[in-house]
Amino acid sequence: MAQARRSSFCGSPEHVLDRRGFLGALAAGAAGLAADMTALNVLAEPALAAELKKQQKRVILLWLAGGASQLETFDPKPGAPTGGPFRAIPTSVPGIHISELMPKMAQRMDHTCIIRSLNTKNGDHGGGARLMMRGRMDDPSVRYPDLGAVLARELGRAHSKVPDYVSFYSSTEGRDFAPGAAGFLGSRYAPMELTTSMIPENIRRPEYVSDSDHIRRAELRELISKRFERGRSSGALGSHNEAYQRVRGLMASEKLFDITQEPQAVLDRFGPTLFGQQALAARRLVEAGVPFVRVGRAWWDSHGQNFETHQELVPELDHVMSTLLDDLAERGLLEHTLVITLAEFGRTPAINPSLGRDHFASAWSATLSGCGIQGGSVYGKSDKTGNTVADGEVGAAELFATIYRALGIDHQKNYYVGSRPVPLTEPDTEPIADVLA
């Protein structure tokens, strides 16, 4: 039973802006926007900010690298031989219980749907990660784009000066299992991968190059590129040039990544952990118009000491996820932002001799919150021990179709690789209707 979401719109007549007025305001302000494409100044204008938020959908993916245990998070089995030591606690939605390690999310279930019936059949780190980032596996002749690249294409703006796809992944464990991949969409939709710093490296203009020199160098590169293009036809070449054309805008977006621009109260709220800080950066980015941000938290691969590992990691996830949802809701962003928690697979119900849980892709969980989602709900269920799906089995394709539908994207639209049509999801895949608002 979903509760009414809070809105930052005050209802004042002077904050109402019709579509024609909004487009006119954008045209009139184009010069100012070009000078500072961080877009944060734009969002300071209540009417313009409200209209931008209505027009734009965006996604934050909390990627639980290594495979978080569904039994210690969103599908506990207290009392079962496979249940482990942690209790299940009631949530703000009657009848829904989650792990006692997540008391904050337990009070915020009204925005979230738990999917407890994923059977993705791939328990390999690399294969599972690629599957859950793409919704399907590559075939010999096609390299598919991942979720971030597709959403950059579908939700990004043609002349946007902010990145379309940003990925934070600071740990070394598992980083190579699921790097961002634009696939056949080309480099225009490749991610900005941040692995060593929260602020992109090498986007600041060197001091010895003046702004006018930088412009002239860009013009020279464009001239040479156009001459090279004559008589040639290449999708890769066009994608490469398009990426270059966005360089100056990306350079102007540097401050978006700097969370010290936030008030101290907001910094304190998200907390001192890197996961919390990157989630705050993700909020700053989507607020400024970035369509997709992935925040990777590693390493959940608990073959040994599963319960100690989750006793450390799950409370952090609980804090970061609940804070992010609160912050987005208070800013009027949550109804237009889809927050996903996902991994490459879950953990086995069976507890091994090292008191660990192993890789498990047969009956595990993910969550969807916010945009287009029926909050305060659970879809599907696993059996009493968590070994199999008892009801509502779905795979990666159905999950991705549901994500696309929640965002207003036709999941069966075709892309083209040469003359070959490639649907966005596997043919005959349908979204999970009960999950959608």
Foldseek 3Di string as FASTA:
>chain_A
DADDFFEPDPPDPVLAADPVRLVVVCVVCVVVCVVFVLQPVVCVRNNNLVVVLVQAFAEEEAAEEAAAAQCQWQFAQPPDPLRPDWDWDAAPFPPGTTTPLQHLVSPVQSFKEKEFFAFAPDLDRQVLQQCLQQVDDDDPVWDGFGPQLVQLVVRNDLQRLAQQEEEEDADPPSCVSHAGDNTLVEDLSGYQYDHHDLFRPPLADDPVQDPVNVVVVLVVVVVVLVVVCVPHDDPRSVSVNSNSVSSVSHSSNRCLSVCVVDDPVLDVQLHDDPLSSSLSSVVSRVSSPHRYYYYYDDDQNWLAPNVVSCSPPSNNVSSSVSSSCVVCSNHRNQQRYKYKYYYSAHFDSDQDPRRTTHGDNATGMMMIGGQFWRGSYYAFHADSSRHHTPDDHDYSLQVVQQVCVSNVHHQQDWDDDDNDTDGNGPPPHHHDVNGGD
